[in-house]
Amino acid sequence: MASISVHLRFGFFLLFIVTIFSALFLAKTVFLFFLAIGARFL
């Protein structure tokens, strides 16, 4: 049972890291998108 618990914890850790990286990537993409729109209007 202990090995299953460790495996689950590792899976949740990987999911957490992937979620953070995708959120950062999405934020960067949205920021660049608004930056391009702002530069076009300026």
PDB file of N, CA and C in Angstrom:
ATOM      1  N   MET A   1       0.824  -1.209   0.000  1.00  0.00           N
ATOM      2  CA  MET A   1       0.000   0.000   0.000  1.00  0.00           C
ATOM      3  C   MET A   1       0.861   1.262   0.000  1.00  0.00           C
ATOM      4  N   ALA A   2       2.007   1.182   0.657  1.00  0.00           N
ATOM      5  CA  ALA A   2       2.848   2.378   0.748  1.00  0.00           C
ATOM      6  C   ALA A   2       3.332   2.804  -0.635  1.00  0.00           C
ATOM      7  N   SER A   3       3.670   1.830  -1.481  1.00  0.00           N
ATOM      8  CA  SER A   3       4.172   2.176  -2.810  1.00  0.00           C
ATOM      9  C   SER A   3       3.079   2.855  -3.638  1.00  0.00           C
ATOM     10  N   ILE A   4       1.827   2.405  -3.462  1.00  0.00           N
ATOM     11  CA  ILE A   4       0.719   3.026  -4.193  1.00  0.00           C
ATOM     12  C   ILE A   4       0.541   4.474  -3.731  1.00  0.00           C
ATOM     13  N   SER A   5       0.662   4.699  -2.433  1.00  0.00           N
ATOM     14  CA  SER A   5       0.509   6.048  -1.896  1.00  0.00           C
ATOM     15  C   SER A   5       1.594   6.974  -2.435  1.00  0.00           C
ATOM     16  N   VAL A   6       2.831   6.481  -2.475  1.00  0.00           N
ATOM     17  CA  VAL A   6       3.938   7.290  -2.998  1.00  0.00           C
ATOM     18  C   VAL A   6       3.717   7.575  -4.479  1.00  0.00           C
ATOM     19  N   HIS A   7       3.249   6.571  -5.213  1.00  0.00           N
ATOM     20  CA  HIS A   7       3.004   6.744  -6.645  1.00  0.00           C
ATOM     21  C   HIS A   7       1.926   7.804  -6.879  1.00  0.00           C
ATOM     22  N   LEU A   8       0.861   7.767  -6.075  1.00  0.00           N
ATOM     23  CA  LEU A   8      -0.206   8.755  -6.210  1.00  0.00           C
ATOM     24  C   LEU A   8       0.311  10.153  -5.896  1.00  0.00           C
ATOM     25  N   ARG A   9       1.128  10.253  -4.847  1.00  0.00           N
ATOM     26  CA  ARG A   9       1.674  11.554  -4.473  1.00  0.00           C
ATOM     27  C   ARG A   9       2.540  12.110  -5.594  1.00  0.00           C
ATOM     28  N   PHE A  10       3.355  11.235  -6.208  1.00  0.00           N
ATOM     29  CA  PHE A  10       4.216  11.666  -7.311  1.00  0.00           C
ATOM     30  C   PHE A  10       3.370  12.125  -8.498  1.00  0.00           C
ATOM     31  N   GLY A  11       2.264  11.417  -8.756  1.00  0.00           N
ATOM     32  CA  GLY A  11       1.375  11.790  -9.857  1.00  0.00           C
ATOM     33  C   GLY A  11       0.734  13.147  -9.616  1.00  0.00           C
ATOM     34  N   PHE A  12       0.289  13.392  -8.389  1.00  0.00           N
ATOM     35  CA  PHE A  12      -0.301  14.691  -8.069  1.00  0.00           C
ATOM     36  C   PHE A  12       0.739  15.801  -8.186  1.00  0.00           C
ATOM     37  N   PHE A  13       1.987  15.510  -7.790  1.00  0.00           N
ATOM     38  CA  PHE A  13       3.065  16.489  -7.893  1.00  0.00           C
ATOM     39  C   PHE A  13       3.322  16.848  -9.350  1.00  0.00           C
ATOM     40  N   LEU A  14       3.357  15.826 -10.225  1.00  0.00           N
ATOM     41  CA  LEU A  14       3.564  16.078 -11.654  1.00  0.00           C
ATOM     42  C   LEU A  14       2.411  16.892 -12.224  1.00  0.00           C
ATOM     43  N   LEU A  15       1.183  16.552 -11.838  1.00  0.00           N
ATOM     44  CA  LEU A  15       0.010  17.284 -12.311  1.00  0.00           C
ATOM     45  C   LEU A  15       0.076  18.740 -11.858  1.00  0.00           C
ATOM     46  N   PHE A  16       0.515  18.966 -10.612  1.00  0.00           N
ATOM     47  CA  PHE A  16       0.650  20.312 -10.072  1.00  0.00           C
ATOM     48  C   PHE A  16       1.652  21.126 -10.890  1.00  0.00           C
ATOM     49  N   ILE A  17       2.809  20.512 -11.212  1.00  0.00           N
ATOM     50  CA  ILE A  17       3.840  21.200 -11.987  1.00  0.00           C
ATOM     51  C   ILE A  17       3.331  21.523 -13.389  1.00  0.00           C
ATOM     52  N   VAL A  18       2.662  20.552 -14.014  1.00  0.00           N
ATOM     53  CA  VAL A  18       2.143  20.774 -15.370  1.00  0.00           C
ATOM     54  C   VAL A  18       1.096  21.891 -15.369  1.00  0.00           C
ATOM     55  N   THR A  19       0.255  21.918 -14.340  1.00  0.00           N
ATOM     56  CA  THR A  19      -0.768  22.963 -14.252  1.00  0.00           C
ATOM     57  C   THR A  19      -0.129  24.338 -14.114  1.00  0.00           C
ATOM     58  N   ILE A  20       0.905  24.442 -13.269  1.00  0.00           N
ATOM     59  CA  ILE A  20       1.587  25.724 -13.075  1.00  0.00           C
ATOM     60  C   ILE A  20       2.241  26.186 -14.374  1.00  0.00           C
ATOM     61  N   PHE A  21       2.921  25.261 -15.071  1.00  0.00           N
ATOM     62  CA  PHE A  21       3.604  25.643 -16.306  1.00  0.00           C
ATOM     63  C   PHE A  21       2.607  26.073 -17.379  1.00  0.00           C
ATOM     64  N   SER A  22       1.480  25.367 -17.482  1.00  0.00           N
ATOM     65  CA  SER A  22       0.485  25.737 -18.498  1.00  0.00           C
ATOM     66  C   SER A  22      -0.147  27.088 -18.154  1.00  0.00           C
ATOM     67  N   ALA A  23      -0.362  27.350 -16.862  1.00  0.00           N
ATOM     68  CA  ALA A  23      -0.925  28.635 -16.455  1.00  0.00           C
ATOM     69  C   ALA A  23       0.051  29.768 -16.767  1.00  0.00           C
ATOM     70  N   LEU A  24       1.343  29.554 -16.506  1.00  0.00           N
ATOM     71  CA  LEU A  24       2.348  30.565 -16.824  1.00  0.00           C
ATOM     72  C   LEU A  24       2.408  30.810 -18.326  1.00  0.00           C
ATOM     73  N   PHE A  25       2.364  29.725 -19.114  1.00  0.00           N
ATOM     74  CA  PHE A  25       2.411  29.856 -20.566  1.00  0.00           C
ATOM     75  C   PHE A  25       1.194  30.623 -21.080  1.00  0.00           C
ATOM     76  N   LEU A  26       0.020  30.324 -20.510  1.00  0.00           N
ATOM     77  CA  LEU A  26      -1.209  31.005 -20.915  1.00  0.00           C
ATOM     78  C   LEU A  26      -1.138  32.489 -20.556  1.00  0.00           C
ATOM     79  N   ALA A  27      -0.631  32.799 -19.363  1.00  0.00           N
ATOM     80  CA  ALA A  27      -0.519  34.192 -18.936  1.00  0.00           C
ATOM     81  C   ALA A  27       0.439  34.950 -19.849  1.00  0.00           C
ATOM     82  N   LYS A  28       1.571  34.314 -20.213  1.00  0.00           N
ATOM     83  CA  LYS A  28       2.536  34.965 -21.102  1.00  0.00           C
ATOM     84  C   LYS A  28       1.925  35.211 -22.475  1.00  0.00           C
ATOM     85  N   THR A  29       1.169  34.235 -22.974  1.00  0.00           N
ATOM     86  CA  THR A  29       0.539  34.384 -24.288  1.00  0.00           C
ATOM     87  C   THR A  29      -0.483  35.520 -24.277  1.00  0.00           C
ATOM     88  N   VAL A  30      -1.312  35.571 -23.224  1.00  0.00           N
ATOM     89  CA  VAL A  30      -2.316  36.638 -23.121  1.00  0.00           C
ATOM     90  C   VAL A  30      -1.631  37.993 -22.989  1.00  0.00           C
ATOM     91  N   PHE A  31      -0.550  38.059 -22.214  1.00  0.00           N
ATOM     92  CA  PHE A  31       0.181  39.312 -22.030  1.00  0.00           C
ATOM     93  C   PHE A  31       0.752  39.806 -23.353  1.00  0.00           C
ATOM     94  N   LEU A  32       1.373  38.901 -24.126  1.00  0.00           N
ATOM     95  CA  LEU A  32       1.929  39.291 -25.424  1.00  0.00           C
ATOM     96  C   LEU A  32       0.817  39.708 -26.381  1.00  0.00           C
ATOM     97  N   PHE A  33      -0.326  39.035 -26.300  1.00  0.00           N
ATOM     98  CA  PHE A  33      -1.463  39.363 -27.163  1.00  0.00           C
ATOM     99  C   PHE A  33      -1.951  40.786 -26.887  1.00  0.00           C
ATOM    100  N   PHE A  34      -2.144  41.123 -25.599  1.00  0.00           N
ATOM    101  CA  PHE A  34      -2.595  42.468 -25.254  1.00  0.00           C
ATOM    102  C   PHE A  34      -1.517  43.500 -25.562  1.00  0.00           C
ATOM    103  N   LEU A  35      -0.254  43.122 -25.425  1.00  0.00           N
ATOM    104  CA  LEU A  35       0.846  44.025 -25.746  1.00  0.00           C
ATOM    105  C   LEU A  35       0.824  44.359 -27.231  1.00  0.00           C
ATOM    106  N   ALA A  36       0.583  43.342 -28.076  1.00  0.00           N
ATOM    107  CA  ALA A  36       0.523  43.575 -29.520  1.00  0.00           C
ATOM    108  C   ALA A  36      -0.663  44.472 -29.874  1.00  0.00           C
ATOM    109  N   ILE A  37      -1.807  44.251 -29.217  1.00  0.00           N
ATOM    110  CA  ILE A  37      -2.988  45.086 -29.480  1.00  0.00           C
ATOM    111  C   ILE A  37      -2.719  46.527 -29.048  1.00  0.00           C
ATOM    112  N   GLY A  38      -2.106  46.687 -27.871  1.00  0.00           N
ATOM    113  CA  GLY A  38      -1.806  48.028 -27.371  1.00  0.00           C
ATOM    114  C   GLY A  38      -0.822  48.753 -28.274  1.00  0.00           C
ATOM    115  N   ALA A  39       0.196  48.051 -28.765  1.00  0.00           N
ATOM    116  CA  ALA A  39       1.182  48.667 -29.652  1.00  0.00           C
ATOM    117  C   ALA A  39       0.520  49.075 -30.967  1.00  0.00           C
ATOM    118  N   ARG A  40      -0.430  48.278 -31.425  1.00  0.00           N
ATOM    119  CA  ARG A  40      -1.116  48.605 -32.680  1.00  0.00           C
ATOM    120  C   ARG A  40      -1.968  49.860 -32.512  1.00  0.00           C
ATOM    121  N   PHE A  41      -2.627  49.995 -31.346  1.00  0.00           N
ATOM    122  CA  PHE A  41      -3.466  51.174 -31.127  1.00  0.00           C
ATOM    123  C   PHE A  41      -2.622  52.413 -30.844  1.00  0.00           C
ATOM    124  N   LEU A  42      -1.459  52.238 -30.218  1.00  0.00           N
ATOM    125  CA  LEU A  42      -0.593  53.382 -29.954  1.00  0.00           C
ATOM    126  C   LEU A  42       0.137  53.788 -31.218  1.00  0.00           C
TER     127      LEU A  42
END
